[in-house]
C-alpha atoms as a PDB file:
ATOM      1  CA  UNK A   1     -18.528  52.864 -37.510  1.00  0.00           C
ATOM      2  CA  UNK A   2     -16.556  49.741 -36.631  1.00  0.00           C
ATOM      3  CA  UNK A   3     -15.727  47.157 -39.490  1.00  0.00           C
ATOM      4  CA  UNK A   4     -15.456  43.902 -38.978  1.00  0.00           C
ATOM      5  CA  UNK A   5     -12.884  41.377 -41.339  1.00  0.00           C
ATOM      6  CA  UNK A   6     -12.976  37.582 -41.271  1.00  0.00           C
ATOM      7  CA  UNK A   7      -8.941  37.371 -40.922  1.00  0.00           C
ATOM      8  CA  UNK A   8      -7.044  36.075 -38.083  1.00  0.00           C
ATOM      9  CA  UNK A   9      -9.065  37.141 -35.221  1.00  0.00           C
ATOM     10  CA  UNK A  10      -6.075  37.679 -33.445  1.00  0.00           C
ATOM     11  CA  UNK A  11      -4.450  40.813 -35.746  1.00  0.00           C
ATOM     12  CA  UNK A  12      -5.659  44.496 -34.918  1.00  0.00           C
ATOM     13  CA  UNK A  13      -5.847  45.270 -38.689  1.00  0.00           C
ATOM     14  CA  UNK A  14      -3.612  48.163 -38.160  1.00  0.00           C
ATOM     15  CA  UNK A  15      -1.187  48.940 -41.202  1.00  0.00           C
ATOM     16  CA  UNK A  16       1.035  51.850 -41.057  1.00  0.00           C
ATOM     17  CA  UNK A  17       2.937  54.262 -43.424  1.00  0.00           C
ATOM     18  CA  UNK A  18       5.519  56.334 -41.250  1.00  0.00           C
ATOM     19  CA  UNK A  19       7.426  59.385 -42.908  1.00  0.00           C
ATOM     20  CA  UNK A  20      10.886  61.312 -41.929  1.00  0.00           C
ATOM     21  CA  UNK A  21       9.897  64.231 -43.582  1.00  0.00           C
ATOM     22  CA  UNK A  22      12.733  67.505 -45.240  1.00  0.00           C
ATOM     23  CA  UNK A  23      10.748  69.262 -42.785  1.00  0.00           C
ATOM     24  CA  UNK A  24       8.909  69.816 -39.617  1.00  0.00           C
ATOM     25  CA  UNK A  25       4.994  69.934 -40.448  1.00  0.00           C
ATOM     26  CA  UNK A  26       2.527  71.897 -38.033  1.00  0.00           C
ATOM     27  CA  UNK A  27       0.503  69.319 -36.574  1.00  0.00           C
ATOM     28  CA  UNK A  28      -2.815  71.716 -36.325  1.00  0.00           C
ATOM     29  CA  UNK A  29      -2.566  71.974 -40.030  1.00  0.00           C
ATOM     30  CA  UNK A  30      -2.114  67.954 -40.987  1.00  0.00           C
ATOM     31  CA  UNK A  31      -5.577  67.651 -38.113  1.00  0.00           C
ATOM     32  CA  UNK A  32      -7.064  70.075 -40.580  1.00  0.00           C
ATOM     33  CA  UNK A  33      -6.086  68.187 -43.096  1.00  0.00           C
ATOM     34  CA  UNK A  34      -7.077  64.829 -42.264  1.00  0.00           C
ATOM     35  CA  UNK A  35     -10.024  65.788 -41.018  1.00  0.00           C
ATOM     36  CA  UNK A  36     -11.592  67.132 -44.213  1.00  0.00           C
ATOM     37  CA  UNK A  37     -10.872  63.885 -45.048  1.00  0.00           C
ATOM     38  CA  UNK A  38     -13.279  62.570 -42.956  1.00  0.00           C
ATOM     39  CA  UNK A  39     -15.724  64.416 -44.285  1.00  0.00           C
ATOM     40  CA  UNK A  40     -14.790  63.966 -47.408  1.00  0.00           C
ATOM     41  CA  UNK A  41     -14.900  59.766 -47.572  1.00  0.00           C
ATOM     42  CA  UNK A  42     -17.269  57.886 -44.566  1.00  0.00           C
ATOM     43  CA  UNK A  43     -15.091  54.985 -45.077  1.00  0.00           C
ATOM     44  CA  UNK A  44     -12.294  56.951 -42.906  1.00  0.00           C
ATOM     45  CA  UNK A  45     -14.678  57.031 -39.726  1.00  0.00           C
ATOM     46  CA  UNK A  46     -14.588  60.107 -37.640  1.00  0.00           C
ATOM     47  CA  UNK A  47     -11.950  62.982 -38.035  1.00  0.00           C
ATOM     48  CA  UNK A  48      -8.462  60.917 -36.569  1.00  0.00           C
ATOM     49  CA  UNK A  49      -6.527  63.252 -34.018  1.00  0.00           C
ATOM     50  CA  UNK A  50      -3.279  64.252 -34.198  1.00  0.00           C
ATOM     51  CA  UNK A  51      -1.284  63.048 -31.548  1.00  0.00           C
ATOM     52  CA  UNK A  52       2.573  64.732 -30.110  1.00  0.00           C
ATOM     53  CA  UNK A  53       3.745  61.335 -28.649  1.00  0.00           C
ATOM     54  CA  UNK A  54       6.698  62.695 -25.725  1.00  0.00           C
ATOM     55  CA  UNK A  55       7.386  58.543 -26.752  1.00  0.00           C
ATOM     56  CA  UNK A  56       7.920  57.723 -30.951  1.00  0.00           C
ATOM     57  CA  UNK A  57       8.241  53.836 -30.135  1.00  0.00           C
ATOM     58  CA  UNK A  58       5.504  54.083 -27.974  1.00  0.00           C
ATOM     59  CA  UNK A  59       3.157  55.591 -30.067  1.00  0.00           C
ATOM     60  CA  UNK A  60       3.783  53.141 -33.120  1.00  0.00           C
ATOM     61  CA  UNK A  61       3.419  50.508 -30.866  1.00  0.00           C
ATOM     62  CA  UNK A  62       0.055  51.718 -29.661  1.00  0.00           C
ATOM     63  CA  UNK A  63      -0.512  52.516 -33.145  1.00  0.00           C
ATOM     64  CA  UNK A  64       0.356  49.111 -34.605  1.00  0.00           C
ATOM     65  CA  UNK A  65      -1.679  47.149 -32.115  1.00  0.00           C
ATOM     66  CA  UNK A  66      -5.147  48.448 -30.884  1.00  0.00           C
ATOM     67  CA  UNK A  67      -7.650  47.227 -31.556  1.00  0.00           C
ATOM     68  CA  UNK A  68     -10.265  50.086 -33.298  1.00  0.00           C
ATOM     69  CA  UNK A  69     -13.726  49.869 -31.766  1.00  0.00           C
ATOM     70  CA  UNK A  70     -17.269  51.082 -33.035  1.00  0.00           C
ATOM     71  CA  UNK A  71     -17.256  55.126 -33.642  1.00  0.00           C
ATOM     72  CA  UNK A  72     -13.535  55.208 -33.374  1.00  0.00           C
ATOM     73  CA  UNK A  73     -11.986  56.915 -36.502  1.00  0.00           C
ATOM     74  CA  UNK A  74     -10.278  54.179 -38.702  1.00  0.00           C
ATOM     75  CA  UNK A  75      -7.226  56.637 -39.333  1.00  0.00           C
ATOM     76  CA  UNK A  76      -4.557  57.479 -36.424  1.00  0.00           C
ATOM     77  CA  UNK A  77      -2.603  59.793 -37.080  1.00  0.00           C
ATOM     78  CA  UNK A  78       1.108  61.088 -35.289  1.00  0.00           C
ATOM     79  CA  UNK A  79       3.652  64.072 -35.572  1.00  0.00           C
ATOM     80  CA  UNK A  80       7.169  64.672 -33.456  1.00  0.00           C
ATOM     81  CA  UNK A  81       9.044  67.290 -34.718  1.00  0.00           C
ATOM     82  CA  UNK A  82      10.315  65.472 -38.969  1.00  0.00           C
ATOM     83  CA  UNK A  83       8.914  61.973 -38.140  1.00  0.00           C
ATOM     84  CA  UNK A  84       4.902  61.741 -39.344  1.00  0.00           C
ATOM     85  CA  UNK A  85       3.073  58.289 -38.755  1.00  0.00           C
ATOM     86  CA  UNK A  86      -0.374  57.454 -39.957  1.00  0.00           C
ATOM     87  CA  UNK A  87      -2.565  54.200 -38.966  1.00  0.00           C
ATOM     88  CA  UNK A  88      -5.444  53.062 -40.223  1.00  0.00           C
ATOM     89  CA  UNK A  89      -7.625  50.075 -40.561  1.00  0.00           C
ATOM     90  CA  UNK A  90      -7.433  47.571 -42.938  1.00  0.00           C
ATOM     91  CA  UNK A  91     -10.978  47.300 -44.049  1.00  0.00           C
ATOM     92  CA  UNK A  92     -10.766  51.171 -44.158  1.00  0.00           C
ATOM     93  CA  UNK A  93      -7.905  52.125 -46.362  1.00  0.00           C
ATOM     94  CA  UNK A  94      -5.447  49.440 -47.900  1.00  0.00           C
ATOM     95  CA  UNK A  95      -1.066  50.638 -48.431  1.00  0.00           C
ATOM     96  CA  UNK A  96      -2.057  53.040 -51.557  1.00  0.00           C
ATOM     97  CA  UNK A  97      -4.699  54.230 -49.198  1.00  0.00           C
ATOM     98  CA  UNK A  98      -1.760  55.154 -46.834  1.00  0.00           C
ATOM     99  CA  UNK A  99      -0.117  57.164 -49.617  1.00  0.00           C
ATOM    100  CA  UNK A 100      -2.660  59.061 -50.804  1.00  0.00           C
ATOM    101  CA  UNK A 101      -3.634  60.189 -46.317  1.00  0.00           C
ATOM    102  CA  UNK A 102      -0.034  61.154 -46.654  1.00  0.00           C
ATOM    103  CA  UNK A 103      -0.035  63.135 -49.657  1.00  0.00           C
ATOM    104  CA  UNK A 104      -3.101  64.600 -47.468  1.00  0.00           C
ATOM    105  CA  UNK A 105      -1.679  64.812 -44.748  1.00  0.00           C
ATOM    106  CA  UNK A 106       1.295  67.207 -46.532  1.00  0.00           C
ATOM    107  CA  UNK A 107      -1.145  68.723 -48.515  1.00  0.00           C
ATOM    108  CA  UNK A 108       0.513  67.649 -51.748  1.00  0.00           C
ATOM    109  CA  UNK A 109      -0.147  65.124 -54.315  1.00  0.00           C
ATOM    110  CA  UNK A 110       2.055  62.131 -53.679  1.00  0.00           C
ATOM    111  CA  UNK A 111       2.196  58.997 -56.336  1.00  0.00           C
ATOM    112  CA  UNK A 112       3.373  55.800 -55.828  1.00  0.00           C
ATOM    113  CA  UNK A 113       5.126  53.355 -58.975  1.00  0.00           C
ATOM    114  CA  UNK A 114       2.470  50.904 -57.953  1.00  0.00           C
ATOM    115  CA  UNK A 115       0.860  49.395 -60.926  1.00  0.00           C
ATOM    116  CA  UNK A 116      -2.086  46.933 -59.240  1.00  0.00           C
ATOM    117  CA  UNK A 117      -3.931  43.899 -60.858  1.00  0.00           C
ATOM    118  CA  UNK A 118      -6.510  45.167 -62.842  1.00  0.00           C
ATOM    119  CA  UNK A 119      -5.430  43.844 -65.843  1.00  0.00           C
ATOM    120  CA  UNK A 120      -6.187  40.541 -63.395  1.00  0.00           C
ATOM    121  CA  UNK A 121      -9.668  38.482 -63.166  1.00  0.00           C
ATOM    122  CA  UNK A 122     -11.041  36.517 -60.289  1.00  0.00           C
ATOM    123  CA  UNK A 123     -11.134  33.185 -61.738  1.00  0.00           C
ATOM    124  CA  UNK A 124     -13.110  31.431 -59.026  1.00  0.00           C
ATOM    125  CA  UNK A 125     -15.740  33.127 -56.492  1.00  0.00           C
ATOM    126  CA  UNK A 126     -15.039  33.169 -52.429  1.00  0.00           C
ATOM    127  CA  UNK A 127     -16.633  29.822 -51.433  1.00  0.00           C
ATOM    128  CA  UNK A 128     -14.093  27.484 -54.181  1.00  0.00           C
ATOM    129  CA  UNK A 129     -11.528  29.559 -52.786  1.00  0.00           C
ATOM    130  CA  UNK A 130     -12.509  28.883 -49.261  1.00  0.00           C
ATOM    131  CA  UNK A 131     -12.874  25.356 -49.608  1.00  0.00           C
ATOM    132  CA  UNK A 132      -9.594  24.877 -50.994  1.00  0.00           C
ATOM    133  CA  UNK A 133      -7.871  26.776 -47.900  1.00  0.00           C
ATOM    134  CA  UNK A 134     -10.190  24.400 -45.681  1.00  0.00           C
ATOM    135  CA  UNK A 135      -8.753  21.421 -47.458  1.00  0.00           C
ATOM    136  CA  UNK A 136      -5.128  22.807 -47.349  1.00  0.00           C
ATOM    137  CA  UNK A 137      -5.823  23.688 -43.667  1.00  0.00           C
ATOM    138  CA  UNK A 138      -6.555  19.939 -43.029  1.00  0.00           C
ATOM    139  CA  UNK A 139      -4.616  18.084 -45.274  1.00  0.00           C
ATOM    140  CA  UNK A 140      -1.589  20.130 -45.976  1.00  0.00           C
ATOM    141  CA  UNK A 141      -0.995  23.193 -43.952  1.00  0.00           C
ATOM    142  CA  UNK A 142       1.430  26.242 -45.624  1.00  0.00           C
ATOM    143  CA  UNK A 143       5.225  25.953 -43.463  1.00  0.00           C
ATOM    144  CA  UNK A 144       5.728  27.805 -40.825  1.00  0.00           C
ATOM    145  CA  UNK A 145       8.132  30.700 -39.839  1.00  0.00           C
ATOM    146  CA  UNK A 146       9.606  28.419 -37.121  1.00  0.00           C
ATOM    147  CA  UNK A 147       8.807  30.185 -33.745  1.00  0.00           C
ATOM    148  CA  UNK A 148      11.598  31.857 -31.630  1.00  0.00           C
ATOM    149  CA  UNK A 149       9.525  31.404 -28.256  1.00  0.00           C
ATOM    150  CA  UNK A 150       6.139  30.564 -26.764  1.00  0.00           C
ATOM    151  CA  UNK A 151       4.291  32.929 -24.858  1.00  0.00           C
ATOM    152  CA  UNK A 152       1.079  35.284 -24.674  1.00  0.00           C
ATOM    153  CA  UNK A 153       2.406  38.229 -25.620  1.00  0.00           C
ATOM    154  CA  UNK A 154       0.223  40.470 -27.505  1.00  0.00           C
ATOM    155  CA  UNK A 155       0.740  42.581 -30.725  1.00  0.00           C
ATOM    156  CA  UNK A 156       3.722  42.896 -32.842  1.00  0.00           C
ATOM    157  CA  UNK A 157       7.449  43.800 -33.596  1.00  0.00           C
ATOM    158  CA  UNK A 158       7.992  46.308 -36.078  1.00  0.00           C
ATOM    159  CA  UNK A 159      11.409  46.313 -36.797  1.00  0.00           C
ATOM    160  CA  UNK A 160      13.160  48.298 -39.928  1.00  0.00           C
ATOM    161  CA  UNK A 161      16.058  48.663 -42.163  1.00  0.00           C
ATOM    162  CA  UNK A 162      16.983  51.294 -44.904  1.00  0.00           C
ATOM    163  CA  UNK A 163      19.137  50.776 -47.490  1.00  0.00           C
ATOM    164  CA  UNK A 164      20.061  52.396 -50.343  1.00  0.00           C
ATOM    165  CA  UNK A 165      17.789  52.600 -53.301  1.00  0.00           C
ATOM    166  CA  UNK A 166      17.660  49.227 -55.147  1.00  0.00           C
ATOM    167  CA  UNK A 167      14.945  48.322 -57.664  1.00  0.00           C
ATOM    168  CA  UNK A 168      12.878  46.119 -55.971  1.00  0.00           C
ATOM    169  CA  UNK A 169       9.974  44.785 -57.724  1.00  0.00           C
ATOM    170  CA  UNK A 170       7.253  42.447 -55.855  1.00  0.00           C
ATOM    171  CA  UNK A 171       8.792  39.414 -57.687  1.00  0.00           C
ATOM    172  CA  UNK A 172      12.247  39.297 -55.867  1.00  0.00           C
ATOM    173  CA  UNK A 173      10.560  40.721 -52.486  1.00  0.00           C
ATOM    174  CA  UNK A 174       8.682  37.646 -52.694  1.00  0.00           C
ATOM    175  CA  UNK A 175      12.192  34.900 -53.030  1.00  0.00           C
ATOM    176  CA  UNK A 176      13.428  37.320 -50.716  1.00  0.00           C
ATOM    177  CA  UNK A 177      11.285  36.064 -48.204  1.00  0.00           C
ATOM    178  CA  UNK A 178      11.298  32.226 -49.557  1.00  0.00           C
ATOM    179  CA  UNK A 179      14.535  32.129 -49.551  1.00  0.00           C
ATOM    180  CA  UNK A 180      14.396  33.802 -45.556  1.00  0.00           C
ATOM    181  CA  UNK A 181      12.085  30.994 -44.147  1.00  0.00           C
ATOM    182  CA  UNK A 182      14.596  28.150 -46.110  1.00  0.00           C
ATOM    183  CA  UNK A 183      16.977  29.672 -44.282  1.00  0.00           C
ATOM    184  CA  UNK A 184      15.542  30.568 -41.208  1.00  0.00           C
ATOM    185  CA  UNK A 185      13.640  26.808 -40.410  1.00  0.00           C
ATOM    186  CA  UNK A 186      16.349  24.722 -42.221  1.00  0.00           C
ATOM    187  CA  UNK A 187      18.561  26.999 -39.167  1.00  0.00           C
ATOM    188  CA  UNK A 188      15.991  25.181 -36.762  1.00  0.00           C
ATOM    189  CA  UNK A 189      16.534  21.858 -37.996  1.00  0.00           C
ATOM    190  CA  UNK A 190      12.620  22.687 -39.106  1.00  0.00           C
ATOM    191  CA  UNK A 191      10.654  21.189 -42.591  1.00  0.00           C
ATOM    192  CA  UNK A 192      10.021  24.067 -45.545  1.00  0.00           C
ATOM    193  CA  UNK A 193       8.430  22.171 -48.402  1.00  0.00           C
ATOM    194  CA  UNK A 194       5.367  23.332 -48.249  1.00  0.00           C
ATOM    195  CA  UNK A 195       5.831  27.153 -48.827  1.00  0.00           C
ATOM    196  CA  UNK A 196       3.133  29.863 -49.603  1.00  0.00           C
ATOM    197  CA  UNK A 197       3.332  33.471 -50.315  1.00  0.00           C
ATOM    198  CA  UNK A 198       0.861  35.089 -50.094  1.00  0.00           C
ATOM    199  CA  UNK A 199       1.278  38.997 -51.516  1.00  0.00           C
ATOM    200  CA  UNK A 200      -0.429  42.446 -51.363  1.00  0.00           C
ATOM    201  CA  UNK A 201      -1.717  44.165 -53.824  1.00  0.00           C
ATOM    202  CA  UNK A 202      -4.152  46.322 -55.149  1.00  0.00           C
ATOM    203  CA  UNK A 203      -6.153  46.854 -57.890  1.00  0.00           C
ATOM    204  CA  UNK A 204      -5.556  50.036 -58.519  1.00  0.00           C
ATOM    205  CA  UNK A 205      -2.325  51.802 -59.405  1.00  0.00           C
ATOM    206  CA  UNK A 206      -0.728  53.861 -57.447  1.00  0.00           C
ATOM    207  CA  UNK A 207      -0.868  56.838 -59.810  1.00  0.00           C
ATOM    208  CA  UNK A 208      -3.497  59.241 -58.347  1.00  0.00           C
ATOM    209  CA  UNK A 209      -3.908  57.208 -55.204  1.00  0.00           C
ATOM    210  CA  UNK A 210      -7.066  57.558 -52.455  1.00  0.00           C
ATOM    211  CA  UNK A 211      -7.826  57.163 -49.324  1.00  0.00           C
ATOM    212  CA  UNK A 212     -10.150  53.663 -49.927  1.00  0.00           C
ATOM    213  CA  UNK A 213      -9.690  50.331 -50.043  1.00  0.00           C
ATOM    214  CA  UNK A 214      -9.216  48.507 -52.948  1.00  0.00           C
ATOM    215  CA  UNK A 215      -6.878  45.488 -51.635  1.00  0.00           C
ATOM    216  CA  UNK A 216      -5.803  42.136 -53.712  1.00  0.00           C
ATOM    217  CA  UNK A 217      -4.427  39.514 -52.659  1.00  0.00           C
ATOM    218  CA  UNK A 218      -2.527  37.006 -54.416  1.00  0.00           C
ATOM    219  CA  UNK A 219      -1.210  33.696 -53.388  1.00  0.00           C
ATOM    220  CA  UNK A 220       1.671  31.311 -54.310  1.00  0.00           C
ATOM    221  CA  UNK A 221       2.047  28.039 -53.478  1.00  0.00           C
ATOM    222  CA  UNK A 222       5.618  26.940 -54.341  1.00  0.00           C
ATOM    223  CA  UNK A 223       7.358  24.203 -54.818  1.00  0.00           C
ATOM    224  CA  UNK A 224       9.676  23.085 -53.208  1.00  0.00           C
ATOM    225  CA  UNK A 225      13.375  24.209 -54.318  1.00  0.00           C
ATOM    226  CA  UNK A 226      11.291  27.275 -56.417  1.00  0.00           C
ATOM    227  CA  UNK A 227      14.317  29.925 -57.777  1.00  0.00           C
ATOM    228  CA  UNK A 228      13.430  33.321 -58.291  1.00  0.00           C
ATOM    229  CA  UNK A 229      12.642  33.027 -62.346  1.00  0.00           C
ATOM    230  CA  UNK A 230       9.638  30.434 -61.045  1.00  0.00           C
ATOM    231  CA  UNK A 231       8.598  32.966 -58.377  1.00  0.00           C
ATOM    232  CA  UNK A 232       8.791  35.510 -61.207  1.00  0.00           C
ATOM    233  CA  UNK A 233       6.301  33.325 -63.980  1.00  0.00           C
ATOM    234  CA  UNK A 234       4.251  32.364 -60.633  1.00  0.00           C
ATOM    235  CA  UNK A 235       3.713  35.530 -59.496  1.00  0.00           C
ATOM    236  CA  UNK A 236       2.801  36.855 -63.164  1.00  0.00           C
ATOM    237  CA  UNK A 237       0.133  34.466 -64.228  1.00  0.00           C
ATOM    238  CA  UNK A 238      -1.511  34.461 -61.170  1.00  0.00           C
ATOM    239  CA  UNK A 239      -4.974  35.531 -60.039  1.00  0.00           C
ATOM    240  CA  UNK A 240      -6.345  37.763 -57.262  1.00  0.00           C
ATOM    241  CA  UNK A 241      -8.452  35.613 -55.249  1.00  0.00           C
ATOM    242  CA  UNK A 242     -12.044  36.948 -54.445  1.00  0.00           C
ATOM    243  CA  UNK A 243     -12.768  39.141 -51.640  1.00  0.00           C
ATOM    244  CA  UNK A 244     -13.849  37.717 -48.148  1.00  0.00           C
ATOM    245  CA  UNK A 245     -16.878  37.909 -46.569  1.00  0.00           C
ATOM    246  CA  UNK A 246     -18.008  40.218 -43.439  1.00  0.00           C
ATOM    247  CA  UNK A 247     -16.185  38.828 -40.423  1.00  0.00           C
ATOM    248  CA  UNK A 248     -19.798  38.814 -39.269  1.00  0.00           C
ATOM    249  CA  UNK A 249     -20.759  35.978 -41.498  1.00  0.00           C
ATOM    250  CA  UNK A 250     -21.097  32.955 -39.107  1.00  0.00           C
ATOM    251  CA  UNK A 251     -19.482  30.290 -41.137  1.00  0.00           C
ATOM    252  CA  UNK A 252     -16.940  32.961 -42.097  1.00  0.00           C
ATOM    253  CA  UNK A 253     -16.046  32.774 -37.370  1.00  0.00           C
ATOM    254  CA  UNK A 254     -16.828  29.409 -37.510  1.00  0.00           C
ATOM    255  CA  UNK A 255     -13.655  28.289 -40.069  1.00  0.00           C
ATOM    256  CA  UNK A 256     -11.457  30.682 -37.865  1.00  0.00           C
ATOM    257  CA  UNK A 257     -11.957  29.924 -34.562  1.00  0.00           C
ATOM    258  CA  UNK A 258     -11.220  25.970 -35.481  1.00  0.00           C
ATOM    259  CA  UNK A 259      -8.297  26.231 -37.794  1.00  0.00           C
ATOM    260  CA  UNK A 260      -6.872  29.618 -37.270  1.00  0.00           C
ATOM    261  CA  UNK A 261      -3.565  28.064 -36.620  1.00  0.00           C
ATOM    262  CA  UNK A 262      -3.121  26.007 -39.442  1.00  0.00           C
ATOM    263  CA  UNK A 263      -5.142  28.921 -42.172  1.00  0.00           C
ATOM    264  CA  UNK A 264      -3.324  31.621 -43.721  1.00  0.00           C
ATOM    265  CA  UNK A 265      -0.315  31.677 -45.864  1.00  0.00           C
ATOM    266  CA  UNK A 266       3.740  30.766 -44.617  1.00  0.00           C
ATOM    267  CA  UNK A 267       4.718  35.290 -44.761  1.00  0.00           C
ATOM    268  CA  UNK A 268       2.973  38.177 -46.496  1.00  0.00           C
ATOM    269  CA  UNK A 269       5.027  40.586 -48.833  1.00  0.00           C
ATOM    270  CA  UNK A 270       3.722  44.378 -49.837  1.00  0.00           C
ATOM    271  CA  UNK A 271       5.741  46.683 -51.976  1.00  0.00           C
ATOM    272  CA  UNK A 272       4.270  50.214 -52.555  1.00  0.00           C
ATOM    273  CA  UNK A 273       6.358  50.906 -55.069  1.00  0.00           C
ATOM    274  CA  UNK A 274       8.566  54.227 -55.227  1.00  0.00           C
ATOM    275  CA  UNK A 275       6.457  57.315 -54.204  1.00  0.00           C
ATOM    276  CA  UNK A 276       7.130  60.243 -54.927  1.00  0.00           C
ATOM    277  CA  UNK A 277       6.642  63.170 -52.388  1.00  0.00           C
ATOM    278  CA  UNK A 278       8.465  65.509 -50.353  1.00  0.00           C
ATOM    279  CA  UNK A 279      10.081  62.379 -47.981  1.00  0.00           C
ATOM    280  CA  UNK A 280      13.275  61.796 -47.110  1.00  0.00           C
ATOM    281  CA  UNK A 281      12.038  58.203 -46.326  1.00  0.00           C
ATOM    282  CA  UNK A 282       8.983  55.681 -45.685  1.00  0.00           C
ATOM    283  CA  UNK A 283       8.347  52.674 -43.220  1.00  0.00           C
ATOM    284  CA  UNK A 284       5.696  50.503 -44.420  1.00  0.00           C
ATOM    285  CA  UNK A 285       3.941  47.644 -42.128  1.00  0.00           C
ATOM    286  CA  UNK A 286       1.765  45.743 -43.645  1.00  0.00           C
ATOM    287  CA  UNK A 287      -0.392  43.568 -42.052  1.00  0.00           C
ATOM    288  CA  UNK A 288       0.965  40.262 -39.803  1.00  0.00           C
ATOM    289  CA  UNK A 289      -1.505  37.736 -39.719  1.00  0.00           C
ATOM    290  CA  UNK A 290      -1.767  33.273 -40.764  1.00  0.00           C
ATOM    291  CA  UNK A 291      -0.451  31.047 -39.764  1.00  0.00           C
ATOM    292  CA  UNK A 292       3.328  32.547 -39.057  1.00  0.00           C
ATOM    293  CA  UNK A 293       2.098  36.019 -38.399  1.00  0.00           C
ATOM    294  CA  UNK A 294       4.887  37.176 -40.555  1.00  0.00           C
ATOM    295  CA  UNK A 295       4.555  40.495 -42.664  1.00  0.00           C
ATOM    296  CA  UNK A 296       7.602  42.408 -44.781  1.00  0.00           C
ATOM    297  CA  UNK A 297       6.866  45.253 -45.953  1.00  0.00           C
ATOM    298  CA  UNK A 298       9.014  47.575 -48.714  1.00  0.00           C
ATOM    299  CA  UNK A 299       8.247  50.619 -49.569  1.00  0.00           C
ATOM    300  CA  UNK A 300      11.170  53.349 -51.800  1.00  0.00           C
ATOM    301  CA  UNK A 301      11.364  57.459 -51.183  1.00  0.00           C
ATOM    302  CA  UNK A 302      13.993  59.893 -51.896  1.00  0.00           C
ATOM    303  CA  UNK A 303      17.528  57.610 -52.104  1.00  0.00           C
ATOM    304  CA  UNK A 304      16.297  54.924 -49.586  1.00  0.00           C
ATOM    305  CA  UNK A 305      14.537  51.663 -50.322  1.00  0.00           C
ATOM    306  CA  UNK A 306      12.548  50.652 -46.341  1.00  0.00           C
ATOM    307  CA  UNK A 307      12.677  46.844 -45.778  1.00  0.00           C
ATOM    308  CA  UNK A 308      10.101  46.304 -42.633  1.00  0.00           C
ATOM    309  CA  UNK A 309       8.959  42.948 -40.758  1.00  0.00           C
ATOM    310  CA  UNK A 310       5.891  42.998 -38.402  1.00  0.00           C
ATOM    311  CA  UNK A 311       5.909  39.356 -36.142  1.00  0.00           C
ATOM    312  CA  UNK A 312       3.764  38.874 -33.481  1.00  0.00           C
ATOM    313  CA  UNK A 313       5.002  39.194 -30.057  1.00  0.00           C
ATOM    314  CA  UNK A 314       4.278  35.847 -28.859  1.00  0.00           C
ATOM    315  CA  UNK A 315       5.495  33.798 -31.197  1.00  0.00           C
ATOM    316  CA  UNK A 316       8.952  35.839 -31.878  1.00  0.00           C
ATOM    317  CA  UNK A 317      11.457  38.022 -29.487  1.00  0.00           C
ATOM    318  CA  UNK A 318      12.148  41.543 -30.864  1.00  0.00           C
ATOM    319  CA  UNK A 319      15.774  40.066 -31.358  1.00  0.00           C
ATOM    320  CA  UNK A 320      14.586  37.118 -33.686  1.00  0.00           C
ATOM    321  CA  UNK A 321      12.301  39.341 -35.283  1.00  0.00           C
ATOM    322  CA  UNK A 322      15.500  41.596 -35.970  1.00  0.00           C
ATOM    323  CA  UNK A 323      17.213  38.206 -37.073  1.00  0.00           C
ATOM    324  CA  UNK A 324      14.223  37.627 -39.362  1.00  0.00           C
ATOM    325  CA  UNK A 325      14.681  40.908 -41.438  1.00  0.00           C
ATOM    326  CA  UNK A 326      18.484  40.848 -41.665  1.00  0.00           C
ATOM    327  CA  UNK A 327      17.912  37.663 -43.551  1.00  0.00           C
ATOM    328  CA  UNK A 328      15.321  39.168 -45.760  1.00  0.00           C
ATOM    329  CA  UNK A 329      17.852  42.227 -46.709  1.00  0.00           C
ATOM    330  CA  UNK A 330      20.671  39.954 -47.043  1.00  0.00           C
ATOM    331  CA  UNK A 331      18.607  38.038 -49.546  1.00  0.00           C
ATOM    332  CA  UNK A 332      17.510  41.249 -51.101  1.00  0.00           C
ATOM    333  CA  UNK A 333      21.250  42.736 -51.256  1.00  0.00           C
ATOM    334  CA  UNK A 334      22.311  38.668 -53.195  1.00  0.00           C
ATOM    335  CA  UNK A 335      19.681  39.022 -55.143  1.00  0.00           C
ATOM    336  CA  UNK A 336      19.916  42.570 -56.636  1.00  0.00           C
ATOM    337  CA  UNK A 337      23.609  41.379 -57.267  1.00  0.00           C
ATOM    338  CA  UNK A 338      23.025  39.093 -59.217  1.00  0.00           C
ATOM    339  CA  UNK A 339      20.517  40.685 -61.540  1.00  0.00           C
ATOM    340  CA  UNK A 340      23.306  43.170 -62.278  1.00  0.00           C
END
């Protein structure tokens, strides 16, 4: 089984959820539980092999960067000590689907406070959105987070920071990413007037997550100088975009080849909310694709809110990716203090 997306052909479309558990799990038990899930949910593909890597960082990078080939499991898992890593193709599960897989691996109910966007309706069909995207790409492409380097390295940097438990909604996270973009580009003398924010969401909420894909995308074209209140209002009124056709669609393939460097958004943010599970902390890495190849993820578990960045190696060095995330964390902390 293979999943083909019409999105950024440079992306692996592998999303990751990493957990630090309260006690070390039994790898064989985790493997058996995930195998049963594959039997129950054909969208997951063949049963995942649970690895026991000696190099955890290398395993995380491999899970993130390796493409899913025809016949491969669409879920990947690894266990080492009290750490559990679950990755999956974004065409098989969305972020809340990863949360569901975490619960299956642990053998317990797991919930998220994420509410989903089921109450919002798609306002326009795919074709109109596609034409709008093409017009935008040709005439007014979104601001790009200025690359720190130019190279041919494949894959993404994955960086995380742990903050004390923080009430952080998607509007606040989006504005923190906007502020990060402005500061980053301004420091490099690059314009940042056409920021387009992509917000990853799900049609369903997290009260009873299932290992399936039910993802939605909100996209905000932000006026220059937009502040946190304006971002909040725009996000509250945003309609999800219609789904995309199969990556085998010849029109989608041609469009991506011709306009890949100008399509997409300035960045993507995705917030899994507060997850209730027997874990000490979680780290969530959504897909980095599009014009900048930068995605910010947030999830809260236990007493920790973890903020992550995923950035393309060919455009950002490891130090630059870490600096981007530090800017975001500073904006999150500043925004949290201002809201008190």
